[in-house]
Amino acid sequence: MSLNVVTLVGRVGGEPDVRHFESGSVKCRLTLAVNRRTKNDQPDWFTLEIWGKTAQIAEQYVNKGSLIGVKGLLKFDTWVDRNTGANRMSPVVVVDQLNLLGSRRDNEASQQSANEGYSDDF
């Protein structure tokens, strides 16, 4: 039996990068900061990839600082570095389920902070 499931709760690190393709597909990429149990530790950062209707929801309702929960699977993007020719790899969470966890007031505050260029520590 194999199992590849990732569940994360954290705050969005920047505005979502949304791309609309000619085929009608929609792809959203964003970063998520997940705090560790102790306050003194730096957060862990994850790259999220979201497709389809869920990506459209992220485009509409997710902003820098939004509190979200995601469930998905872990994959690795691979490429060859142009400068060194070395093989590179980066982990990405492909999101199946997106939950907007912040209150409406929290989301409005994060939108206002993003518009003002305010940076909040996570």
PDB file of N, CA and C in Angstrom:
ATOM      1  N   MET A   1       0.842  -1.176   0.000  1.00  0.00           N
ATOM      2  CA  MET A   1       0.000   0.000   0.000  1.00  0.00           C
ATOM      3  C   MET A   1       0.889   1.241   0.000  1.00  0.00           C
ATOM      4  N   SER A   2       0.528   2.241  -0.793  1.00  0.00           N
ATOM      5  CA  SER A   2       1.254   3.513  -0.850  1.00  0.00           C
ATOM      6  C   SER A   2       0.337   4.638  -0.408  1.00  0.00           C
ATOM      7  N   LEU A   3       0.943   5.655   0.186  1.00  0.00           N
ATOM      8  CA  LEU A   3       0.160   6.791   0.656  1.00  0.00           C
ATOM      9  C   LEU A   3       0.982   8.055   0.498  1.00  0.00           C
ATOM     10  N   ASN A   4       0.431   9.049  -0.160  1.00  0.00           N
ATOM     11  CA  ASN A   4       1.093  10.339  -0.348  1.00  0.00           C
ATOM     12  C   ASN A   4       0.060  11.417  -0.066  1.00  0.00           C
ATOM     13  N   VAL A   5      -0.023  11.849   1.187  1.00  0.00           N
ATOM     14  CA  VAL A   5      -0.997  12.857   1.602  1.00  0.00           C
ATOM     15  C   VAL A   5      -0.282  13.903   2.448  1.00  0.00           C
ATOM     16  N   VAL A   6      -0.513  15.168   2.121  1.00  0.00           N
ATOM     17  CA  VAL A   6       0.065  16.282   2.873  1.00  0.00           C
ATOM     18  C   VAL A   6      -1.093  17.163   3.350  1.00  0.00           C
ATOM     19  N   THR A   7      -1.083  17.495   4.633  1.00  0.00           N
ATOM     20  CA  THR A   7      -2.076  18.405   5.200  1.00  0.00           C
ATOM     21  C   THR A   7      -1.318  19.530   5.902  1.00  0.00           C
ATOM     22  N   LEU A   8      -1.634  20.771   5.527  1.00  0.00           N
ATOM     23  CA  LEU A   8      -0.941  21.930   6.080  1.00  0.00           C
ATOM     24  C   LEU A   8      -1.932  23.023   6.458  1.00  0.00           C
ATOM     25  N   VAL A   9      -1.609  23.770   7.497  1.00  0.00           N
ATOM     26  CA  VAL A   9      -2.354  24.971   7.874  1.00  0.00           C
ATOM     27  C   VAL A   9      -1.327  26.067   8.102  1.00  0.00           C
ATOM     28  N   GLY A  10      -1.527  27.203   7.434  1.00  0.00           N
ATOM     29  CA  GLY A  10      -0.580  28.296   7.587  1.00  0.00           C
ATOM     30  C   GLY A  10      -1.080  29.562   6.920  1.00  0.00           C
ATOM     31  N   ARG A  11      -0.163  30.521   6.804  1.00  0.00           N
ATOM     32  CA  ARG A  11      -0.500  31.812   6.196  1.00  0.00           C
ATOM     33  C   ARG A  11       0.204  31.952   4.859  1.00  0.00           C
ATOM     34  N   VAL A  12      -0.509  32.540   3.909  1.00  0.00           N
ATOM     35  CA  VAL A  12      -0.005  32.725   2.556  1.00  0.00           C
ATOM     36  C   VAL A  12       1.093  33.783   2.578  1.00  0.00           C
ATOM     37  N   GLY A  13       2.218  33.476   1.906  1.00  0.00           N
ATOM     38  CA  GLY A  13       3.389  34.339   1.959  1.00  0.00           C
ATOM     39  C   GLY A  13       3.407  35.467   0.953  1.00  0.00           C
ATOM     40  N   GLY A  14       2.592  35.410  -0.063  1.00  0.00           N
ATOM     41  CA  GLY A  14       2.549  36.460  -1.082  1.00  0.00           C
ATOM     42  C   GLY A  14       1.282  36.329  -1.891  1.00  0.00           C
ATOM     43  N   GLU A  15       1.072  37.265  -2.776  1.00  0.00           N
ATOM     44  CA  GLU A  15      -0.126  37.194  -3.619  1.00  0.00           C
ATOM     45  C   GLU A  15      -0.037  35.961  -4.533  1.00  0.00           C
ATOM     46  N   PRO A  16      -1.141  35.262  -4.737  1.00  0.00           N
ATOM     47  CA  PRO A  16      -1.139  34.086  -5.609  1.00  0.00           C
ATOM     48  C   PRO A  16      -0.746  34.447  -7.040  1.00  0.00           C
ATOM     49  N   ASP A  17       0.029  33.575  -7.673  1.00  0.00           N
ATOM     50  CA  ASP A  17       0.428  33.718  -9.070  1.00  0.00           C
ATOM     51  C   ASP A  17      -0.522  32.842  -9.887  1.00  0.00           C
ATOM     52  N   VAL A  18      -1.461  33.470 -10.583  1.00  0.00           N
ATOM     53  CA  VAL A  18      -2.502  32.729 -11.308  1.00  0.00           C
ATOM     54  C   VAL A  18      -2.268  32.844 -12.806  1.00  0.00           C
ATOM     55  N   ARG A  19      -2.362  31.717 -13.487  1.00  0.00           N
ATOM     56  CA  ARG A  19      -2.206  31.686 -14.941  1.00  0.00           C
ATOM     57  C   ARG A  19      -3.426  31.013 -15.563  1.00  0.00           C
ATOM     58  N   HIS A  20      -3.956  31.680 -16.588  1.00  0.00           N
ATOM     59  CA  HIS A  20      -5.081  31.154 -17.352  1.00  0.00           C
ATOM     60  C   HIS A  20      -4.534  30.684 -18.699  1.00  0.00           C
ATOM     61  N   PHE A  21      -4.796  29.423 -19.052  1.00  0.00           N
ATOM     62  CA  PHE A  21      -4.292  28.850 -20.292  1.00  0.00           C
ATOM     63  C   PHE A  21      -5.364  28.881 -21.372  1.00  0.00           C
ATOM     64  N   GLU A  22      -4.932  28.837 -22.632  1.00  0.00           N
ATOM     65  CA  GLU A  22      -5.864  28.859 -23.760  1.00  0.00           C
ATOM     66  C   GLU A  22      -6.838  27.691 -23.718  1.00  0.00           C
ATOM     67  N   SER A  23      -6.414  26.592 -23.132  1.00  0.00           N
ATOM     68  CA  SER A  23      -7.274  25.408 -23.036  1.00  0.00           C
ATOM     69  C   SER A  23      -8.429  25.616 -22.053  1.00  0.00           C
ATOM     70  N   GLY A  24      -8.352  26.702 -21.256  1.00  0.00           N
ATOM     71  CA  GLY A  24      -9.370  26.961 -20.246  1.00  0.00           C
ATOM     72  C   GLY A  24      -8.930  26.551 -18.851  1.00  0.00           C
ATOM     73  N   SER A  25      -7.804  25.868 -18.748  1.00  0.00           N
ATOM     74  CA  SER A  25      -7.280  25.466 -17.442  1.00  0.00           C
ATOM     75  C   SER A  25      -6.773  26.687 -16.678  1.00  0.00           C
ATOM     76  N   VAL A  26      -6.830  26.590 -15.356  1.00  0.00           N
ATOM     77  CA  VAL A  26      -6.330  27.648 -14.489  1.00  0.00           C
ATOM     78  C   VAL A  26      -5.364  27.011 -13.497  1.00  0.00           C
ATOM     79  N   LYS A  27      -4.210  27.665 -13.319  1.00  0.00           N
ATOM     80  CA  LYS A  27      -3.190  27.179 -12.386  1.00  0.00           C
ATOM     81  C   LYS A  27      -2.809  28.313 -11.451  1.00  0.00           C
ATOM     82  N   CYS A  28      -2.734  28.005 -10.167  1.00  0.00           N
ATOM     83  CA  CYS A  28      -2.357  28.984  -9.154  1.00  0.00           C
ATOM     84  C   CYS A  28      -1.172  28.425  -8.367  1.00  0.00           C
ATOM     85  N   ARG A  29      -0.142  29.244  -8.210  1.00  0.00           N
ATOM     86  CA  ARG A  29       1.000  28.877  -7.365  1.00  0.00           C
ATOM     87  C   ARG A  29       1.126  29.921  -6.273  1.00  0.00           C
ATOM     88  N   LEU A  30       1.407  29.453  -5.064  1.00  0.00           N
ATOM     89  CA  LEU A  30       1.618  30.366  -3.952  1.00  0.00           C
ATOM     90  C   LEU A  30       2.496  29.703  -2.914  1.00  0.00           C
ATOM     91  N   THR A  31       2.982  30.499  -1.979  1.00  0.00           N
ATOM     92  CA  THR A  31       3.793  29.965  -0.893  1.00  0.00           C
ATOM     93  C   THR A  31       2.992  30.003   0.393  1.00  0.00           C
ATOM     94  N   LEU A  32       3.287  29.049   1.266  1.00  0.00           N
ATOM     95  CA  LEU A  32       2.583  28.938   2.534  1.00  0.00           C
ATOM     96  C   LEU A  32       3.608  28.819   3.658  1.00  0.00           C
ATOM     97  N   ALA A  33       3.483  29.678   4.664  1.00  0.00           N
ATOM     98  CA  ALA A  33       4.347  29.627   5.847  1.00  0.00           C
ATOM     99  C   ALA A  33       3.605  28.870   6.941  1.00  0.00           C
ATOM    100  N   VAL A  34       4.238  27.815   7.427  1.00  0.00           N
ATOM    101  CA  VAL A  34       3.633  26.988   8.478  1.00  0.00           C
ATOM    102  C   VAL A  34       4.527  27.077   9.706  1.00  0.00           C
ATOM    103  N   ASN A  35       3.977  27.605  10.793  1.00  0.00           N
ATOM    104  CA  ASN A  35       4.746  27.745  12.026  1.00  0.00           C
ATOM    105  C   ASN A  35       4.993  26.391  12.663  1.00  0.00           C
ATOM    106  N   ARG A  36       6.124  26.304  13.334  1.00  0.00           N
ATOM    107  CA  ARG A  36       6.428  25.109  14.119  1.00  0.00           C
ATOM    108  C   ARG A  36       5.799  25.272  15.490  1.00  0.00           C
ATOM    109  N   ARG A  37       5.904  24.247  16.305  1.00  0.00           N
ATOM    110  CA  ARG A  37       5.251  24.275  17.616  1.00  0.00           C
ATOM    111  C   ARG A  37       5.807  25.341  18.545  1.00  0.00           C
ATOM    112  N   THR A  38       7.110  25.620  18.444  1.00  0.00           N
ATOM    113  CA  THR A  38       7.686  26.646  19.315  1.00  0.00           C
ATOM    114  C   THR A  38       7.735  27.972  18.562  1.00  0.00           C
ATOM    115  N   LYS A  39       7.485  29.042  19.257  1.00  0.00           N
ATOM    116  CA  LYS A  39       7.400  30.371  18.646  1.00  0.00           C
ATOM    117  C   LYS A  39       8.752  30.878  18.154  1.00  0.00           C
ATOM    118  N   ASN A  40       9.848  30.394  18.728  1.00  0.00           N
ATOM    119  CA  ASN A  40      11.177  30.900  18.380  1.00  0.00           C
ATOM    120  C   ASN A  40      11.689  30.371  17.052  1.00  0.00           C
ATOM    121  N   ASP A  41      11.124  29.284  16.558  1.00  0.00           N
ATOM    122  CA  ASP A  41      11.571  28.698  15.293  1.00  0.00           C
ATOM    123  C   ASP A  41      11.038  29.485  14.105  1.00  0.00           C
ATOM    124  N   GLN A  42      11.807  29.505  13.045  1.00  0.00           N
ATOM    125  CA  GLN A  42      11.356  30.096  11.788  1.00  0.00           C
ATOM    126  C   GLN A  42      10.286  29.190  11.183  1.00  0.00           C
ATOM    127  N   PRO A  43       9.336  29.746  10.429  1.00  0.00           N
ATOM    128  CA  PRO A  43       8.314  28.897   9.802  1.00  0.00           C
ATOM    129  C   PRO A  43       8.917  28.064   8.679  1.00  0.00           C
ATOM    130  N   ASP A  44       8.265  26.963   8.368  1.00  0.00           N
ATOM    131  CA  ASP A  44       8.611  26.166   7.197  1.00  0.00           C
ATOM    132  C   ASP A  44       7.822  26.727   6.028  1.00  0.00           C
ATOM    133  N   TRP A  45       8.474  26.852   4.856  1.00  0.00           N
ATOM    134  CA  TRP A  45       7.838  27.408   3.671  1.00  0.00           C
ATOM    135  C   TRP A  45       7.568  26.308   2.661  1.00  0.00           C
ATOM    136  N   PHE A  46       6.360  26.304   2.115  1.00  0.00           N
ATOM    137  CA  PHE A  46       5.954  25.310   1.130  1.00  0.00           C
ATOM    138  C   PHE A  46       5.443  26.019  -0.117  1.00  0.00           C
ATOM    139  N   THR A  47       5.741  25.441  -1.270  1.00  0.00           N
ATOM    140  CA  THR A  47       5.182  25.921  -2.533  1.00  0.00           C
ATOM    141  C   THR A  47       3.943  25.082  -2.823  1.00  0.00           C
ATOM    142  N   LEU A  48       2.833  25.766  -3.114  1.00  0.00           N
ATOM    143  CA  LEU A  48       1.571  25.081  -3.414  1.00  0.00           C
ATOM    144  C   LEU A  48       1.221  25.279  -4.885  1.00  0.00           C
ATOM    145  N   GLU A  49       0.662  24.252  -5.490  1.00  0.00           N
ATOM    146  CA  GLU A  49       0.175  24.311  -6.868  1.00  0.00           C
ATOM    147  C   GLU A  49      -1.295  23.890  -6.841  1.00  0.00           C
ATOM    148  N   ILE A  50      -2.146  24.762  -7.368  1.00  0.00           N
ATOM    149  CA  ILE A  50      -3.592  24.530  -7.322  1.00  0.00           C
ATOM    150  C   ILE A  50      -4.133  24.645  -8.745  1.00  0.00           C
ATOM    151  N   TRP A  51      -5.034  23.754  -9.138  1.00  0.00           N
ATOM    152  CA  TRP A  51      -5.576  23.728 -10.497  1.00  0.00           C
ATOM    153  C   TRP A  51      -7.103  23.841 -10.492  1.00  0.00           C
ATOM    154  N   GLY A  52      -7.652  24.249 -11.620  1.00  0.00           N
ATOM    155  CA  GLY A  52      -9.092  24.209 -11.875  1.00  0.00           C
ATOM    156  C   GLY A  52      -9.908  25.170 -11.047  1.00  0.00           C
ATOM    157  N   LYS A  53     -11.102  24.711 -10.638  1.00  0.00           N
ATOM    158  CA  LYS A  53     -12.017  25.559  -9.863  1.00  0.00           C
ATOM    159  C   LYS A  53     -11.404  26.000  -8.543  1.00  0.00           C
ATOM    160  N   THR A  54     -10.627  25.110  -7.944  1.00  0.00           N
ATOM    161  CA  THR A  54      -9.983  25.469  -6.679  1.00  0.00           C
ATOM    162  C   THR A  54      -9.008  26.618  -6.889  1.00  0.00           C
ATOM    163  N   ALA A  55      -8.315  26.638  -8.020  1.00  0.00           N
ATOM    164  CA  ALA A  55      -7.407  27.746  -8.349  1.00  0.00           C
ATOM    165  C   ALA A  55      -8.191  29.045  -8.526  1.00  0.00           C
ATOM    166  N   GLN A  56      -9.364  28.957  -9.130  1.00  0.00           N
ATOM    167  CA  GLN A  56     -10.191  30.149  -9.305  1.00  0.00           C
ATOM    168  C   GLN A  56     -10.659  30.691  -7.954  1.00  0.00           C
ATOM    169  N   ILE A  57     -10.980  29.800  -7.033  1.00  0.00           N
ATOM    170  CA  ILE A  57     -11.375  30.223  -5.683  1.00  0.00           C
ATOM    171  C   ILE A  57     -10.200  30.898  -4.993  1.00  0.00           C
ATOM    172  N   ALA A  58      -9.000  30.327  -5.138  1.00  0.00           N
ATOM    173  CA  ALA A  58      -7.807  30.930  -4.548  1.00  0.00           C
ATOM    174  C   ALA A  58      -7.562  32.312  -5.138  1.00  0.00           C
ATOM    175  N   GLU A  59      -7.753  32.445  -6.439  1.00  0.00           N
ATOM    176  CA  GLU A  59      -7.556  33.739  -7.105  1.00  0.00           C
ATOM    177  C   GLU A  59      -8.491  34.801  -6.523  1.00  0.00           C
ATOM    178  N   GLN A  60      -9.727  34.399  -6.233  1.00  0.00           N
ATOM    179  CA  GLN A  60     -10.732  35.339  -5.741  1.00  0.00           C
ATOM    180  C   GLN A  60     -10.584  35.680  -4.267  1.00  0.00           C
ATOM    181  N   TYR A  61     -10.268  34.685  -3.451  1.00  0.00           N
ATOM    182  CA  TYR A  61     -10.402  34.862  -2.010  1.00  0.00           C
ATOM    183  C   TYR A  61      -9.108  34.789  -1.203  1.00  0.00           C
ATOM    184  N   VAL A  62      -8.004  34.368  -1.803  1.00  0.00           N
ATOM    185  CA  VAL A  62      -6.759  34.207  -1.052  1.00  0.00           C
ATOM    186  C   VAL A  62      -5.819  35.373  -1.357  1.00  0.00           C
ATOM    187  N   ASN A  63      -5.279  35.967  -0.308  1.00  0.00           N
ATOM    188  CA  ASN A  63      -4.338  37.072  -0.417  1.00  0.00           C
ATOM    189  C   ASN A  63      -3.160  36.813   0.514  1.00  0.00           C
ATOM    190  N   LYS A  64      -2.128  37.616   0.375  1.00  0.00           N
ATOM    191  CA  LYS A  64      -0.995  37.529   1.272  1.00  0.00           C
ATOM    192  C   LYS A  64      -1.495  37.657   2.708  1.00  0.00           C
ATOM    193  N   GLY A  65      -1.066  36.738   3.561  1.00  0.00           N
ATOM    194  CA  GLY A  65      -1.465  36.762   4.969  1.00  0.00           C
ATOM    195  C   GLY A  65      -2.702  35.958   5.287  1.00  0.00           C
ATOM    196  N   SER A  66      -3.446  35.499   4.268  1.00  0.00           N
ATOM    197  CA  SER A  66      -4.646  34.707   4.520  1.00  0.00           C
ATOM    198  C   SER A  66      -4.298  33.403   5.232  1.00  0.00           C
ATOM    199  N   LEU A  67      -5.126  33.027   6.194  1.00  0.00           N
ATOM    200  CA  LEU A  67      -4.971  31.747   6.885  1.00  0.00           C
ATOM    201  C   LEU A  67      -5.747  30.696   6.098  1.00  0.00           C
ATOM    202  N   ILE A  68      -5.033  29.664   5.630  1.00  0.00           N
ATOM    203  CA  ILE A  68      -5.684  28.610   4.848  1.00  0.00           C
ATOM    204  C   ILE A  68      -5.222  27.239   5.322  1.00  0.00           C
ATOM    205  N   GLY A  69      -6.030  26.257   5.016  1.00  0.00           N
ATOM    206  CA  GLY A  69      -5.672  24.859   5.217  1.00  0.00           C
ATOM    207  C   GLY A  69      -5.726  24.178   3.873  1.00  0.00           C
ATOM    208  N   VAL A  70      -4.779  23.288   3.608  1.00  0.00           N
ATOM    209  CA  VAL A  70      -4.747  22.575   2.337  1.00  0.00           C
ATOM    210  C   VAL A  70      -4.503  21.102   2.574  1.00  0.00           C
ATOM    211  N   LYS A  71      -5.000  20.308   1.649  1.00  0.00           N
ATOM    212  CA  LYS A  71      -4.738  18.873   1.636  1.00  0.00           C
ATOM    213  C   LYS A  71      -4.378  18.519   0.208  1.00  0.00           C
ATOM    214  N   GLY A  72      -3.338  17.729   0.033  1.00  0.00           N
ATOM    215  CA  GLY A  72      -2.916  17.371  -1.309  1.00  0.00           C
ATOM    216  C   GLY A  72      -1.855  16.303  -1.287  1.00  0.00           C
ATOM    217  N   LEU A  73      -1.053  16.283  -2.349  1.00  0.00           N
ATOM    218  CA  LEU A  73       0.017  15.297  -2.453  1.00  0.00           C
ATOM    219  C   LEU A  73       1.329  15.991  -2.746  1.00  0.00           C
ATOM    220  N   LEU A  74       2.411  15.331  -2.398  1.00  0.00           N
ATOM    221  CA  LEU A  74       3.744  15.881  -2.600  1.00  0.00           C
ATOM    222  C   LEU A  74       4.310  15.367  -3.912  1.00  0.00           C
ATOM    223  N   LYS A  75       4.833  16.304  -4.732  1.00  0.00           N
ATOM    224  CA  LYS A  75       5.535  15.936  -5.956  1.00  0.00           C
ATOM    225  C   LYS A  75       6.834  16.722  -5.995  1.00  0.00           C
ATOM    226  N   PHE A  76       7.711  16.353  -6.898  1.00  0.00           N
ATOM    227  CA  PHE A  76       8.981  17.052  -7.038  1.00  0.00           C
ATOM    228  C   PHE A  76       9.115  17.555  -8.459  1.00  0.00           C
ATOM    229  N   ASP A  77       9.264  18.892  -8.603  1.00  0.00           N
ATOM    230  CA  ASP A  77       9.580  19.483  -9.903  1.00  0.00           C
ATOM    231  C   ASP A  77      11.077  19.300 -10.122  1.00  0.00           C
ATOM    232  N   THR A  78      11.451  18.860 -11.315  1.00  0.00           N
ATOM    233  CA  THR A  78      12.865  18.676 -11.629  1.00  0.00           C
ATOM    234  C   THR A  78      13.220  19.464 -12.881  1.00  0.00           C
ATOM    235  N   TRP A  79      14.470  19.961 -12.932  1.00  0.00           N
ATOM    236  CA  TRP A  79      14.961  20.693 -14.085  1.00  0.00           C
ATOM    237  C   TRP A  79      16.482  20.663 -14.068  1.00  0.00           C
ATOM    238  N   VAL A  80      17.071  21.081 -15.181  1.00  0.00           N
ATOM    239  CA  VAL A  80      18.514  21.172 -15.290  1.00  0.00           C
ATOM    240  C   VAL A  80      18.910  22.645 -15.188  1.00  0.00           C
ATOM    241  N   ASP A  81      19.817  22.961 -14.272  1.00  0.00           N
ATOM    242  CA  ASP A  81      20.292  24.321 -14.069  1.00  0.00           C
ATOM    243  C   ASP A  81      21.036  24.787 -15.323  1.00  0.00           C
ATOM    244  N   ARG A  82      20.626  25.920 -15.880  1.00  0.00           N
ATOM    245  CA  ARG A  82      21.231  26.440 -17.114  1.00  0.00           C
ATOM    246  C   ARG A  82      22.706  26.794 -16.933  1.00  0.00           C
ATOM    247  N   ASN A  83      23.047  27.307 -15.756  1.00  0.00           N
ATOM    248  CA  ASN A  83      24.421  27.762 -15.526  1.00  0.00           C
ATOM    249  C   ASN A  83      25.391  26.622 -15.243  1.00  0.00           C
ATOM    250  N   THR A  84      24.964  25.667 -14.426  1.00  0.00           N
ATOM    251  CA  THR A  84      25.878  24.607 -14.003  1.00  0.00           C
ATOM    252  C   THR A  84      25.631  23.277 -14.698  1.00  0.00           C
ATOM    253  N   GLY A  85      24.449  23.103 -15.278  1.00  0.00           N
ATOM    254  CA  GLY A  85      24.103  21.820 -15.888  1.00  0.00           C
ATOM    255  C   GLY A  85      23.704  20.765 -14.871  1.00  0.00           C
ATOM    256  N   ALA A  86      23.649  21.162 -13.590  1.00  0.00           N
ATOM    257  CA  ALA A  86      23.291  20.226 -12.526  1.00  0.00           C
ATOM    258  C   ALA A  86      21.779  19.987 -12.507  1.00  0.00           C
ATOM    259  N   ASN A  87      21.393  18.778 -12.128  1.00  0.00           N
ATOM    260  CA  ASN A  87      19.979  18.463 -11.952  1.00  0.00           C
ATOM    261  C   ASN A  87      19.483  19.115 -10.661  1.00  0.00           C
ATOM    262  N   ARG A  88      18.349  19.760 -10.727  1.00  0.00           N
ATOM    263  CA  ARG A  88      17.750  20.423  -9.568  1.00  0.00           C
ATOM    264  C   ARG A  88      16.380  19.814  -9.299  1.00  0.00           C
ATOM    265  N   MET A  89      15.947  19.945  -8.047  1.00  0.00           N
ATOM    266  CA  MET A  89      14.665  19.395  -7.645  1.00  0.00           C
ATOM    267  C   MET A  89      14.051  20.298  -6.582  1.00  0.00           C
ATOM    268  N   SER A  90      12.733  20.494  -6.646  1.00  0.00           N
ATOM    269  CA  SER A  90      12.040  21.327  -5.679  1.00  0.00           C
ATOM    270  C   SER A  90      10.720  20.652  -5.296  1.00  0.00           C
ATOM    271  N   PRO A  91      10.448  20.510  -3.989  1.00  0.00           N
ATOM    272  CA  PRO A  91       9.173  19.908  -3.581  1.00  0.00           C
ATOM    273  C   PRO A  91       8.009  20.877  -3.778  1.00  0.00           C
ATOM    274  N   VAL A  92       6.879  20.342  -4.225  1.00  0.00           N
ATOM    275  CA  VAL A  92       5.664  21.123  -4.445  1.00  0.00           C
ATOM    276  C   VAL A  92       4.486  20.313  -3.917  1.00  0.00           C
ATOM    277  N   VAL A  93       3.577  20.980  -3.211  1.00  0.00           N
ATOM    278  CA  VAL A  93       2.347  20.328  -2.760  1.00  0.00           C
ATOM    279  C   VAL A  93       1.255  20.637  -3.784  1.00  0.00           C
ATOM    280  N   VAL A  94       0.734  19.596  -4.426  1.00  0.00           N
ATOM    281  CA  VAL A  94      -0.369  19.742  -5.383  1.00  0.00           C
ATOM    282  C   VAL A  94      -1.660  19.638  -4.570  1.00  0.00           C
ATOM    283  N   VAL A  95      -2.380  20.747  -4.494  1.00  0.00           N
ATOM    284  CA  VAL A  95      -3.535  20.868  -3.601  1.00  0.00           C
ATOM    285  C   VAL A  95      -4.787  20.273  -4.232  1.00  0.00           C
ATOM    286  N   ASP A  96      -5.438  19.391  -3.477  1.00  0.00           N
ATOM    287  CA  ASP A  96      -6.737  18.825  -3.866  1.00  0.00           C
ATOM    288  C   ASP A  96      -7.877  19.558  -3.163  1.00  0.00           C
ATOM    289  N   GLN A  97      -7.609  19.997  -1.941  1.00  0.00           N
ATOM    290  CA  GLN A  97      -8.650  20.620  -1.119  1.00  0.00           C
ATOM    291  C   GLN A  97      -8.095  21.884  -0.481  1.00  0.00           C
ATOM    292  N   LEU A  98      -8.836  22.985  -0.593  1.00  0.00           N
ATOM    293  CA  LEU A  98      -8.455  24.278  -0.033  1.00  0.00           C
ATOM    294  C   LEU A  98      -9.539  24.723   0.936  1.00  0.00           C
ATOM    295  N   ASN A  99      -9.132  25.078   2.156  1.00  0.00           N
ATOM    296  CA  ASN A  99     -10.068  25.585   3.155  1.00  0.00           C
ATOM    297  C   ASN A  99      -9.651  26.991   3.557  1.00  0.00           C
ATOM    298  N   LEU A 100     -10.569  27.939   3.445  1.00  0.00           N
ATOM    299  CA  LEU A 100     -10.327  29.316   3.876  1.00  0.00           C
ATOM    300  C   LEU A 100     -10.653  29.373   5.362  1.00  0.00           C
ATOM    301  N   LEU A 101      -9.637  29.567   6.196  1.00  0.00           N
ATOM    302  CA  LEU A 101      -9.820  29.431   7.642  1.00  0.00           C
ATOM    303  C   LEU A 101      -9.984  30.747   8.383  1.00  0.00           C
ATOM    304  N   GLY A 102      -9.482  31.818   7.842  1.00  0.00           N
ATOM    305  CA  GLY A 102      -9.592  33.098   8.524  1.00  0.00           C
ATOM    306  C   GLY A 102     -11.015  33.624   8.473  1.00  0.00           C
ATOM    307  N   SER A 103     -11.316  34.527   9.396  1.00  0.00           N
ATOM    308  CA  SER A 103     -12.626  35.169   9.367  1.00  0.00           C
ATOM    309  C   SER A 103     -12.660  36.189   8.240  1.00  0.00           C
ATOM    310  N   ARG A 104     -13.813  36.673   7.905  1.00  0.00           N
ATOM    311  CA  ARG A 104     -13.940  37.701   6.872  1.00  0.00           C
ATOM    312  C   ARG A 104     -13.123  38.933   7.258  1.00  0.00           C
ATOM    313  N   ARG A 105     -13.145  39.280   8.537  1.00  0.00           N
ATOM    314  CA  ARG A 105     -12.388  40.442   9.023  1.00  0.00           C
ATOM    315  C   ARG A 105     -10.885  40.211   8.833  1.00  0.00           C
ATOM    316  N   ASP A 106     -10.406  38.993   9.119  1.00  0.00           N
ATOM    317  CA  ASP A 106      -8.988  38.665   8.913  1.00  0.00           C
ATOM    318  C   ASP A 106      -8.611  38.793   7.448  1.00  0.00           C
ATOM    319  N   ASN A 107      -9.462  38.285   6.560  1.00  0.00           N
ATOM    320  CA  ASN A 107      -9.178  38.348   5.133  1.00  0.00           C
ATOM    321  C   ASN A 107      -9.168  39.790   4.636  1.00  0.00           C
ATOM    322  N   GLU A 108     -10.090  40.621   5.146  1.00  0.00           N
ATOM    323  CA  GLU A 108     -10.103  42.028   4.755  1.00  0.00           C
ATOM    324  C   GLU A 108      -8.850  42.728   5.263  1.00  0.00           C
ATOM    325  N   ALA A 109      -8.417  42.389   6.474  1.00  0.00           N
ATOM    326  CA  ALA A 109      -7.211  43.008   7.032  1.00  0.00           C
ATOM    327  C   ALA A 109      -5.982  42.597   6.236  1.00  0.00           C
ATOM    328  N   SER A 110      -5.910  41.316   5.828  1.00  0.00           N
ATOM    329  CA  SER A 110      -4.753  40.880   5.042  1.00  0.00           C
ATOM    330  C   SER A 110      -4.769  41.534   3.670  1.00  0.00           C
ATOM    331  N   GLN A 111      -5.950  41.751   3.092  1.00  0.00           N
ATOM    332  CA  GLN A 111      -6.053  42.432   1.805  1.00  0.00           C
ATOM    333  C   GLN A 111      -5.603  43.880   1.941  1.00  0.00           C
ATOM    334  N   GLN A 112      -6.030  44.541   3.016  1.00  0.00           N
ATOM    335  CA  GLN A 112      -5.638  45.926   3.246  1.00  0.00           C
ATOM    336  C   GLN A 112      -4.126  46.014   3.459  1.00  0.00           C
ATOM    337  N   SER A 113      -3.544  45.077   4.223  1.00  0.00           N
ATOM    338  CA  SER A 113      -2.100  45.074   4.451  1.00  0.00           C
ATOM    339  C   SER A 113      -1.347  44.869   3.148  1.00  0.00           C
ATOM    340  N   ALA A 114      -1.838  43.986   2.294  1.00  0.00           N
ATOM    341  CA  ALA A 114      -1.182  43.732   1.009  1.00  0.00           C
ATOM    342  C   ALA A 114      -1.232  44.986   0.139  1.00  0.00           C
ATOM    343  N   ASN A 115      -2.355  45.686   0.177  1.00  0.00           N
ATOM    344  CA  ASN A 115      -2.488  46.893  -0.632  1.00  0.00           C
ATOM    345  C   ASN A 115      -1.582  48.013  -0.141  1.00  0.00           C
ATOM    346  N   GLU A 116      -1.303  48.037   1.155  1.00  0.00           N
ATOM    347  CA  GLU A 116      -0.455  49.072   1.717  1.00  0.00           C
ATOM    348  C   GLU A 116       1.013  48.689   1.732  1.00  0.00           C
ATOM    349  N   GLY A 117       1.335  47.473   1.267  1.00  0.00           N
ATOM    350  CA  GLY A 117       2.717  47.023   1.267  1.00  0.00           C
ATOM    351  C   GLY A 117       3.222  46.662   2.646  1.00  0.00           C
ATOM    352  N   TYR A 118       2.334  46.392   3.584  1.00  0.00           N
ATOM    353  CA  TYR A 118       2.676  46.049   4.942  1.00  0.00           C
ATOM    354  C   TYR A 118       3.165  44.614   4.989  1.00  0.00           C
ATOM    355  N   SER A 119       4.255  44.378   5.680  1.00  0.00           N
ATOM    356  CA  SER A 119       4.811  43.036   5.825  1.00  0.00           C
ATOM    357  C   SER A 119       4.589  42.585   7.255  1.00  0.00           C
ATOM    358  N   ASP A 120       3.948  41.443   7.416  1.00  0.00           N
ATOM    359  CA  ASP A 120       3.662  40.907   8.734  1.00  0.00           C
ATOM    360  C   ASP A 120       4.514  39.683   8.965  1.00  0.00           C
ATOM    361  N   ASP A 121       5.117  39.565  10.141  1.00  0.00           N
ATOM    362  CA  ASP A 121       5.855  38.368  10.478  1.00  0.00           C
ATOM    363  C   ASP A 121       4.870  37.267  10.826  1.00  0.00           C
ATOM    364  N   PHE A 122       5.165  36.077  10.393  1.00  0.00           N
ATOM    365  CA  PHE A 122       4.249  34.958  10.600  1.00  0.00           C
ATOM    366  C   PHE A 122       4.592  34.275  11.872  1.00  0.00           C
TER     367      PHE A 122
END
